């Protein structure tokens, strides 16, 4: 299931129609704002920013700030990133 979702998201990121990408990105960001509601969630905000960052510089900066914040938070609570884990 995860590969299906990641394939569709990758297709949407590289979709040639800018309007479709922008519309989906805005809808995801708006859904992320209402993160406390069921179905809509905070998980939608970074996905929307990723889609919008393809076309807008301000979204690229906002996404970079969000990623830095996430890594600092994970380091603070002591959770290792998936790429730094020792794989056996």
PDB file of N, CA and C in Angstrom:
ATOM      1  N   UNK A   1       0.832  -1.201   0.000  1.00  0.00           N
ATOM      2  CA  UNK A   1       0.000   0.000   0.000  1.00  0.00           C
ATOM      3  C   UNK A   1       0.870   1.255   0.000  1.00  0.00           C
ATOM      4  N   UNK A   2       1.959   1.211   0.777  1.00  0.00           N
ATOM      5  CA  UNK A   2       2.805   2.397   0.875  1.00  0.00           C
ATOM      6  C   UNK A   2       3.425   2.736  -0.479  1.00  0.00           C
ATOM      7  N   UNK A   3       3.829   1.751  -1.233  1.00  0.00           N
ATOM      8  CA  UNK A   3       4.442   2.034  -2.521  1.00  0.00           C
ATOM      9  C   UNK A   3       3.429   2.639  -3.490  1.00  0.00           C
ATOM     10  N   UNK A   4       2.171   2.226  -3.414  1.00  0.00           N
ATOM     11  CA  UNK A   4       1.131   2.793  -4.260  1.00  0.00           C
ATOM     12  C   UNK A   4       0.954   4.276  -3.959  1.00  0.00           C
ATOM     13  N   UNK A   5       0.887   4.600  -2.675  1.00  0.00           N
ATOM     14  CA  UNK A   5       0.698   5.993  -2.273  1.00  0.00           C
ATOM     15  C   UNK A   5       1.905   6.824  -2.661  1.00  0.00           C
ATOM     16  N   UNK A   6       3.109   6.309  -2.429  1.00  0.00           N
ATOM     17  CA  UNK A   6       4.304   7.080  -2.777  1.00  0.00           C
ATOM     18  C   UNK A   6       4.430   7.255  -4.294  1.00  0.00           C
ATOM     19  N   UNK A   7       4.003   6.251  -5.067  1.00  0.00           N
ATOM     20  CA  UNK A   7       4.013   6.398  -6.528  1.00  0.00           C
ATOM     21  C   UNK A   7       3.079   7.506  -6.979  1.00  0.00           C
ATOM     22  N   UNK A   8       1.875   7.534  -6.421  1.00  0.00           N
ATOM     23  CA  UNK A   8       0.890   8.553  -6.806  1.00  0.00           C
ATOM     24  C   UNK A   8       1.359   9.946  -6.391  1.00  0.00           C
ATOM     25  N   UNK A   9       1.965  10.046  -5.201  1.00  0.00           N
ATOM     26  CA  UNK A   9       2.454  11.347  -4.759  1.00  0.00           C
ATOM     27  C   UNK A   9       3.611  11.818  -5.641  1.00  0.00           C
ATOM     28  N   UNK A  10       4.494  10.906  -5.993  1.00  0.00           N
ATOM     29  CA  UNK A  10       5.609  11.257  -6.874  1.00  0.00           C
ATOM     30  C   UNK A  10       5.084  11.713  -8.235  1.00  0.00           C
ATOM     31  N   UNK A  11       4.084  11.020  -8.758  1.00  0.00           N
ATOM     32  CA  UNK A  11       3.479  11.420 -10.034  1.00  0.00           C
ATOM     33  C   UNK A  11       2.888  12.819  -9.925  1.00  0.00           C
ATOM     34  N   UNK A  12       2.217  13.106  -8.808  1.00  0.00           N
ATOM     35  CA  UNK A  12       1.613  14.418  -8.625  1.00  0.00           C
ATOM     36  C   UNK A  12       2.679  15.503  -8.532  1.00  0.00           C
ATOM     37  N   UNK A  13       3.812  15.197  -7.878  1.00  0.00           N
ATOM     38  CA  UNK A  13       4.906  16.179  -7.785  1.00  0.00           C
ATOM     39  C   UNK A  13       5.489  16.499  -9.142  1.00  0.00           C
ATOM     40  N   UNK A  14       5.536  15.512 -10.018  1.00  0.00           N
ATOM     41  CA  UNK A  14       6.155  15.715 -11.323  1.00  0.00           C
ATOM     42  C   UNK A  14       5.123  15.882 -12.428  1.00  0.00           C
ATOM     43  N   UNK A  15       3.875  16.057 -12.051  1.00  0.00           N
ATOM     44  CA  UNK A  15       2.790  16.210 -13.018  1.00  0.00           C
ATOM     45  C   UNK A  15       3.022  17.463 -13.853  1.00  0.00           C
ATOM     46  N   UNK A  16       2.825  17.378 -15.147  1.00  0.00           N
ATOM     47  CA  UNK A  16       3.108  18.528 -16.002  1.00  0.00           C
ATOM     48  C   UNK A  16       2.131  19.686 -15.840  1.00  0.00           C
ATOM     49  N   UNK A  17       0.958  19.450 -15.287  1.00  0.00           N
ATOM     50  CA  UNK A  17      -0.017  20.531 -15.153  1.00  0.00           C
ATOM     51  C   UNK A  17       0.155  21.230 -13.809  1.00  0.00           C
ATOM     52  N   UNK A  18       0.610  22.451 -13.878  1.00  0.00           N
ATOM     53  CA  UNK A  18       0.905  23.241 -12.695  1.00  0.00           C
ATOM     54  C   UNK A  18      -0.359  23.494 -11.857  1.00  0.00           C
ATOM     55  N   UNK A  19      -1.487  23.719 -12.512  1.00  0.00           N
ATOM     56  CA  UNK A  19      -2.728  24.005 -11.805  1.00  0.00           C
ATOM     57  C   UNK A  19      -3.197  22.862 -10.921  1.00  0.00           C
ATOM     58  N   UNK A  20      -3.042  21.643 -11.391  1.00  0.00           N
ATOM     59  CA  UNK A  20      -3.435  20.466 -10.601  1.00  0.00           C
ATOM     60  C   UNK A  20      -2.564  20.367  -9.360  1.00  0.00           C
ATOM     61  N   UNK A  21      -1.266  20.561  -9.538  1.00  0.00           N
ATOM     62  CA  UNK A  21      -0.317  20.467  -8.427  1.00  0.00           C
ATOM     63  C   UNK A  21      -0.595  21.559  -7.390  1.00  0.00           C
ATOM     64  N   UNK A  22      -0.848  22.776  -7.845  1.00  0.00           N
ATOM     65  CA  UNK A  22      -1.099  23.882  -6.925  1.00  0.00           C
ATOM     66  C   UNK A  22      -2.411  23.683  -6.180  1.00  0.00           C
ATOM     67  N   UNK A  23      -3.448  23.242  -6.891  1.00  0.00           N
ATOM     68  CA  UNK A  23      -4.740  23.008  -6.253  1.00  0.00           C
ATOM     69  C   UNK A  23      -4.637  21.937  -5.177  1.00  0.00           C
ATOM     70  N   UNK A  24      -3.997  20.832  -5.489  1.00  0.00           N
ATOM     71  CA  UNK A  24      -3.831  19.756  -4.497  1.00  0.00           C
ATOM     72  C   UNK A  24      -2.992  20.229  -3.315  1.00  0.00           C
ATOM     73  N   UNK A  25      -1.941  20.994  -3.582  1.00  0.00           N
ATOM     74  CA  UNK A  25      -1.099  21.506  -2.504  1.00  0.00           C
ATOM     75  C   UNK A  25      -1.854  22.419  -1.566  1.00  0.00           C
ATOM     76  N   UNK A  26      -2.672  23.314  -2.132  1.00  0.00           N
ATOM     77  CA  UNK A  26      -3.462  24.234  -1.304  1.00  0.00           C
ATOM     78  C   UNK A  26      -4.480  23.462  -0.473  1.00  0.00           C
ATOM     79  N   UNK A  27      -5.132  22.477  -1.085  1.00  0.00           N
ATOM     80  CA  UNK A  27      -6.113  21.677  -0.341  1.00  0.00           C
ATOM     81  C   UNK A  27      -5.450  20.899   0.801  1.00  0.00           C
ATOM     82  N   UNK A  28      -4.259  20.371   0.556  1.00  0.00           N
ATOM     83  CA  UNK A  28      -3.552  19.650   1.616  1.00  0.00           C
ATOM     84  C   UNK A  28      -3.138  20.578   2.755  1.00  0.00           C
ATOM     85  N   UNK A  29      -2.657  21.776   2.418  1.00  0.00           N
ATOM     86  CA  UNK A  29      -2.271  22.737   3.464  1.00  0.00           C
ATOM     87  C   UNK A  29      -3.500  23.159   4.265  1.00  0.00           C
ATOM     88  N   UNK A  30      -4.612  23.421   3.577  1.00  0.00           N
ATOM     89  CA  UNK A  30      -5.840  23.805   4.293  1.00  0.00           C
ATOM     90  C   UNK A  30      -6.320  22.669   5.187  1.00  0.00           C
ATOM     91  N   UNK A  31      -6.219  21.433   4.726  1.00  0.00           N
ATOM     92  CA  UNK A  31      -6.587  20.291   5.559  1.00  0.00           C
ATOM     93  C   UNK A  31      -5.655  20.137   6.748  1.00  0.00           C
ATOM     94  N   UNK A  32      -4.376  20.477   6.568  1.00  0.00           N
ATOM     95  CA  UNK A  32      -3.420  20.395   7.666  1.00  0.00           C
ATOM     96  C   UNK A  32      -3.661  21.419   8.748  1.00  0.00           C
ATOM     97  N   UNK A  33      -4.247  22.547   8.374  1.00  0.00           N
ATOM     98  CA  UNK A  33      -4.558  23.577   9.373  1.00  0.00           C
ATOM     99  C   UNK A  33      -5.601  23.067  10.358  1.00  0.00           C
ATOM    100  N   UNK A  34      -6.516  22.239   9.873  1.00  0.00           N
ATOM    101  CA  UNK A  34      -7.551  21.668  10.731  1.00  0.00           C
ATOM    102  C   UNK A  34      -7.119  20.300  11.243  1.00  0.00           C
ATOM    103  N   UNK A  35      -5.913  20.215  11.737  1.00  0.00           N
ATOM    104  CA  UNK A  35      -5.311  18.949  12.130  1.00  0.00           C
ATOM    105  C   UNK A  35      -5.977  18.249  13.291  1.00  0.00           C
ATOM    106  N   UNK A  36      -6.709  18.960  14.121  1.00  0.00           N
ATOM    107  CA  UNK A  36      -7.343  18.332  15.272  1.00  0.00           C
ATOM    108  C   UNK A  36      -8.614  17.579  14.891  1.00  0.00           C
ATOM    109  N   UNK A  37      -9.100  17.784  13.696  1.00  0.00           N
ATOM    110  CA  UNK A  37     -10.319  17.113  13.256  1.00  0.00           C
ATOM    111  C   UNK A  37     -10.017  15.703  12.763  1.00  0.00           C
ATOM    112  N   UNK A  38     -11.002  14.814  12.814  1.00  0.00           N
ATOM    113  CA  UNK A  38     -10.784  13.472  12.276  1.00  0.00           C
ATOM    114  C   UNK A  38     -10.560  13.509  10.767  1.00  0.00           C
ATOM    115  N   UNK A  39      -9.842  12.579  10.244  1.00  0.00           N
ATOM    116  CA  UNK A  39      -9.464  12.414   8.839  1.00  0.00           C
ATOM    117  C   UNK A  39      -8.479  13.499   8.418  1.00  0.00           C
ATOM    118  N   UNK A  40      -8.844  14.758   8.592  1.00  0.00           N
ATOM    119  CA  UNK A  40      -7.896  15.837   8.308  1.00  0.00           C
ATOM    120  C   UNK A  40      -6.844  15.789   9.405  1.00  0.00           C
ATOM    121  N   UNK A  41      -5.625  16.059   9.062  1.00  0.00           N
ATOM    122  CA  UNK A  41      -4.610  15.973  10.101  1.00  0.00           C
ATOM    123  C   UNK A  41      -3.388  16.789   9.783  1.00  0.00           C
ATOM    124  N   UNK A  42      -2.522  16.873  10.772  1.00  0.00           N
ATOM    125  CA  UNK A  42      -1.289  17.622  10.609  1.00  0.00           C
ATOM    126  C   UNK A  42      -0.372  16.983   9.577  1.00  0.00           C
ATOM    127  N   UNK A  43      -0.591  15.720   9.241  1.00  0.00           N
ATOM    128  CA  UNK A  43       0.208  15.032   8.225  1.00  0.00           C
ATOM    129  C   UNK A  43       0.018  15.661   6.848  1.00  0.00           C
ATOM    130  N   UNK A  44      -1.075  16.371   6.659  1.00  0.00           N
ATOM    131  CA  UNK A  44      -1.362  16.960   5.351  1.00  0.00           C
ATOM    132  C   UNK A  44      -0.518  18.211   5.083  1.00  0.00           C
ATOM    133  N   UNK A  45      -0.120  18.914   6.126  1.00  0.00           N
ATOM    134  CA  UNK A  45       0.617  20.167   5.974  1.00  0.00           C
ATOM    135  C   UNK A  45       1.957  19.977   5.272  1.00  0.00           C
ATOM    136  N   UNK A  46       2.824  19.051   5.695  1.00  0.00           N
ATOM    137  CA  UNK A  46       4.088  18.897   4.966  1.00  0.00           C
ATOM    138  C   UNK A  46       3.899  18.413   3.533  1.00  0.00           C
ATOM    139  N   UNK A  47       2.905  17.561   3.292  1.00  0.00           N
ATOM    140  CA  UNK A  47       2.667  17.099   1.926  1.00  0.00           C
ATOM    141  C   UNK A  47       2.247  18.253   1.019  1.00  0.00           C
ATOM    142  N   UNK A  48       1.397  19.118   1.545  1.00  0.00           N
ATOM    143  CA  UNK A  48       0.983  20.287   0.769  1.00  0.00           C
ATOM    144  C   UNK A  48       2.146  21.217   0.482  1.00  0.00           C
ATOM    145  N   UNK A  49       3.012  21.409   1.480  1.00  0.00           N
ATOM    146  CA  UNK A  49       4.181  22.264   1.268  1.00  0.00           C
ATOM    147  C   UNK A  49       5.141  21.655   0.254  1.00  0.00           C
ATOM    148  N   UNK A  50       5.278  20.336   0.264  1.00  0.00           N
ATOM    149  CA  UNK A  50       6.146  19.678  -0.722  1.00  0.00           C
ATOM    150  C   UNK A  50       5.613  19.925  -2.122  1.00  0.00           C
ATOM    151  N   UNK A  51       4.305  19.776  -2.302  1.00  0.00           N
ATOM    152  CA  UNK A  51       3.729  20.012  -3.623  1.00  0.00           C
ATOM    153  C   UNK A  51       3.876  21.467  -4.054  1.00  0.00           C
ATOM    154  N   UNK A  52       3.617  22.383  -3.133  1.00  0.00           N
ATOM    155  CA  UNK A  52       3.716  23.805  -3.477  1.00  0.00           C
ATOM    156  C   UNK A  52       5.164  24.243  -3.676  1.00  0.00           C
ATOM    157  N   UNK A  53       6.107  23.556  -3.031  1.00  0.00           N
ATOM    158  CA  UNK A  53       7.510  23.958  -3.150  1.00  0.00           C
ATOM    159  C   UNK A  53       8.066  23.709  -4.548  1.00  0.00           C
ATOM    160  N   UNK A  54       7.385  22.893  -5.333  1.00  0.00           N
ATOM    161  CA  UNK A  54       7.818  22.686  -6.712  1.00  0.00           C
ATOM    162  C   UNK A  54       7.672  23.984  -7.516  1.00  0.00           C
ATOM    163  N   UNK A  55       6.647  24.766  -7.196  1.00  0.00           N
ATOM    164  CA  UNK A  55       6.340  25.960  -7.983  1.00  0.00           C
ATOM    165  C   UNK A  55       6.601  27.284  -7.273  1.00  0.00           C
ATOM    166  N   UNK A  56       6.693  27.293  -5.948  1.00  0.00           N
ATOM    167  CA  UNK A  56       6.817  28.547  -5.209  1.00  0.00           C
ATOM    168  C   UNK A  56       8.019  28.519  -4.278  1.00  0.00           C
ATOM    169  N   UNK A  57       8.802  29.588  -4.307  1.00  0.00           N
ATOM    170  CA  UNK A  57       9.991  29.693  -3.463  1.00  0.00           C
ATOM    171  C   UNK A  57       9.615  29.812  -1.988  1.00  0.00           C
ATOM    172  N   UNK A  58       8.535  30.541  -1.664  1.00  0.00           N
ATOM    173  CA  UNK A  58       8.134  30.695  -0.264  1.00  0.00           C
ATOM    174  C   UNK A  58       7.760  29.351   0.342  1.00  0.00           C
ATOM    175  N   UNK A  59       7.154  28.474  -0.438  1.00  0.00           N
ATOM    176  CA  UNK A  59       6.795  27.156   0.078  1.00  0.00           C
ATOM    177  C   UNK A  59       8.038  26.295   0.269  1.00  0.00           C
ATOM    178  N   UNK A  60       9.026  26.477  -0.601  1.00  0.00           N
ATOM    179  CA  UNK A  60      10.282  25.739  -0.454  1.00  0.00           C
ATOM    180  C   UNK A  60      10.974  26.142   0.852  1.00  0.00           C
ATOM    181  N   UNK A  61      10.961  27.447   1.157  1.00  0.00           N
ATOM    182  CA  UNK A  61      11.562  27.908   2.415  1.00  0.00           C
ATOM    183  C   UNK A  61      10.771  27.396   3.618  1.00  0.00           C
ATOM    184  N   UNK A  62       9.434  27.444   3.542  1.00  0.00           N
ATOM    185  CA  UNK A  62       8.598  26.960   4.648  1.00  0.00           C
ATOM    186  C   UNK A  62       8.808  25.467   4.871  1.00  0.00           C
ATOM    187  N   UNK A  63       8.946  24.719   3.806  1.00  0.00           N
ATOM    188  CA  UNK A  63       9.196  23.278   3.925  1.00  0.00           C
ATOM    189  C   UNK A  63      10.556  23.022   4.570  1.00  0.00           C
ATOM    190  N   UNK A  64      11.568  23.806   4.185  1.00  0.00           N
ATOM    191  CA  UNK A  64      12.899  23.641   4.778  1.00  0.00           C
ATOM    192  C   UNK A  64      12.874  23.947   6.273  1.00  0.00           C
ATOM    193  N   UNK A  65      12.155  24.981   6.677  1.00  0.00           N
ATOM    194  CA  UNK A  65      12.024  25.318   8.096  1.00  0.00           C
ATOM    195  C   UNK A  65      11.327  24.190   8.847  1.00  0.00           C
ATOM    196  N   UNK A  66      10.274  23.636   8.249  1.00  0.00           N
ATOM    197  CA  UNK A  66       9.546  22.537   8.874  1.00  0.00           C
ATOM    198  C   UNK A  66      10.424  21.301   9.025  1.00  0.00           C
ATOM    199  N   UNK A  67      11.239  20.991   8.040  1.00  0.00           N
ATOM    200  CA  UNK A  67      12.130  19.829   8.110  1.00  0.00           C
ATOM    201  C   UNK A  67      13.185  20.033   9.193  1.00  0.00           C
ATOM    202  N   UNK A  68      13.776  21.230   9.262  1.00  0.00           N
ATOM    203  CA  UNK A  68      14.776  21.507  10.314  1.00  0.00           C
ATOM    204  C   UNK A  68      14.152  21.390  11.693  1.00  0.00           C
ATOM    205  N   UNK A  69      12.942  21.935  11.854  1.00  0.00           N
ATOM    206  CA  UNK A  69      12.251  21.849  13.136  1.00  0.00           C
ATOM    207  C   UNK A  69      12.008  20.384  13.510  1.00  0.00           C
ATOM    208  N   UNK A  70      11.582  19.577  12.545  1.00  0.00           N
ATOM    209  CA  UNK A  70      11.292  18.166  12.799  1.00  0.00           C
ATOM    210  C   UNK A  70      12.552  17.414  13.239  1.00  0.00           C
ATOM    211  N   UNK A  71      13.673  17.677  12.575  1.00  0.00           N
ATOM    212  CA  UNK A  71      14.919  17.003  12.948  1.00  0.00           C
ATOM    213  C   UNK A  71      15.392  17.439  14.327  1.00  0.00           C
ATOM    214  N   UNK A  72      15.256  18.723  14.670  1.00  0.00           N
ATOM    215  CA  UNK A  72      15.622  19.182  16.012  1.00  0.00           C
ATOM    216  C   UNK A  72      14.731  18.537  17.070  1.00  0.00           C
ATOM    217  N   UNK A  73      13.434  18.427  16.772  1.00  0.00           N
ATOM    218  CA  UNK A  73      12.516  17.821  17.723  1.00  0.00           C
ATOM    219  C   UNK A  73      12.865  16.360  17.951  1.00  0.00           C
ATOM    220  N   UNK A  74      13.148  15.635  16.876  1.00  0.00           N
ATOM    221  CA  UNK A  74      13.512  14.223  16.996  1.00  0.00           C
ATOM    222  C   UNK A  74      14.822  14.058  17.762  1.00  0.00           C
ATOM    223  N   UNK A  75      15.778  14.946  17.545  1.00  0.00           N
ATOM    224  CA  UNK A  75      17.044  14.867  18.272  1.00  0.00           C
ATOM    225  C   UNK A  75      16.836  15.176  19.754  1.00  0.00           C
ATOM    226  N   UNK A  76      15.926  16.094  20.055  1.00  0.00           N
ATOM    227  CA  UNK A  76      15.655  16.468  21.437  1.00  0.00           C
ATOM    228  C   UNK A  76      15.041  15.317  22.214  1.00  0.00           C
ATOM    229  N   UNK A  77      14.126  14.595  21.582  1.00  0.00           N
ATOM    230  CA  UNK A  77      13.485  13.491  22.297  1.00  0.00           C
ATOM    231  C   UNK A  77      14.256  12.185  22.160  1.00  0.00           C
ATOM    232  N   UNK A  78      15.346  12.205  21.405  1.00  0.00           N
ATOM    233  CA  UNK A  78      16.233  11.055  21.333  1.00  0.00           C
ATOM    234  C   UNK A  78      15.843   9.985  20.338  1.00  0.00           C
ATOM    235  N   UNK A  79      15.118  10.343  19.306  1.00  0.00           N
ATOM    236  CA  UNK A  79      14.744   9.375  18.272  1.00  0.00           C
ATOM    237  C   UNK A  79      15.722   9.516  17.119  1.00  0.00           C
ATOM    238  N   UNK A  80      16.340   8.400  16.725  1.00  0.00           N
ATOM    239  CA  UNK A  80      17.294   8.435  15.614  1.00  0.00           C
ATOM    240  C   UNK A  80      16.553   8.517  14.295  1.00  0.00           C
ATOM    241  N   UNK A  81      17.120   9.242  13.344  1.00  0.00           N
ATOM    242  CA  UNK A  81      16.549   9.287  12.002  1.00  0.00           C
ATOM    243  C   UNK A  81      16.705   7.938  11.345  1.00  0.00           C
ATOM    244  N   UNK A  82      15.835   7.628  10.419  1.00  0.00           N
ATOM    245  CA  UNK A  82      15.842   6.304   9.779  1.00  0.00           C
ATOM    246  C   UNK A  82      17.110   6.056   8.976  1.00  0.00           C
ATOM    247  N   UNK A  83      17.721   7.101   8.441  1.00  0.00           N
ATOM    248  CA  UNK A  83      18.931   6.897   7.650  1.00  0.00           C
ATOM    249  C   UNK A  83      20.183   6.749   8.497  1.00  0.00           C
ATOM    250  N   UNK A  84      20.096   7.038   9.809  1.00  0.00           N
ATOM    251  CA  UNK A  84      21.268   6.913  10.676  1.00  0.00           C
ATOM    252  C   UNK A  84      21.199   5.681  11.565  1.00  0.00           C
ATOM    253  N   UNK A  85      20.135   4.903  11.457  1.00  0.00           N
ATOM    254  CA  UNK A  85      20.022   3.695  12.256  1.00  0.00           C
ATOM    255  C   UNK A  85      21.006   2.634  11.772  1.00  0.00           C
ATOM    256  N   UNK A  86      21.463   1.842  12.707  1.00  0.00           N
ATOM    257  CA  UNK A  86      22.352   0.731  12.372  1.00  0.00           C
ATOM    258  C   UNK A  86      21.505  -0.406  11.812  1.00  0.00           C
ATOM    259  N   UNK A  87      21.705  -0.738  10.569  1.00  0.00           N
ATOM    260  CA  UNK A  87      20.929  -1.791   9.927  1.00  0.00           C
ATOM    261  C   UNK A  87      21.691  -3.103  10.013  1.00  0.00           C
ATOM    262  N   UNK A  88      21.061  -4.097  10.583  1.00  0.00           N
ATOM    263  CA  UNK A  88      21.706  -5.409  10.743  1.00  0.00           C
ATOM    264  C   UNK A  88      21.123  -6.414   9.821  1.00  0.00           C
TER     265      UNK A  88
END
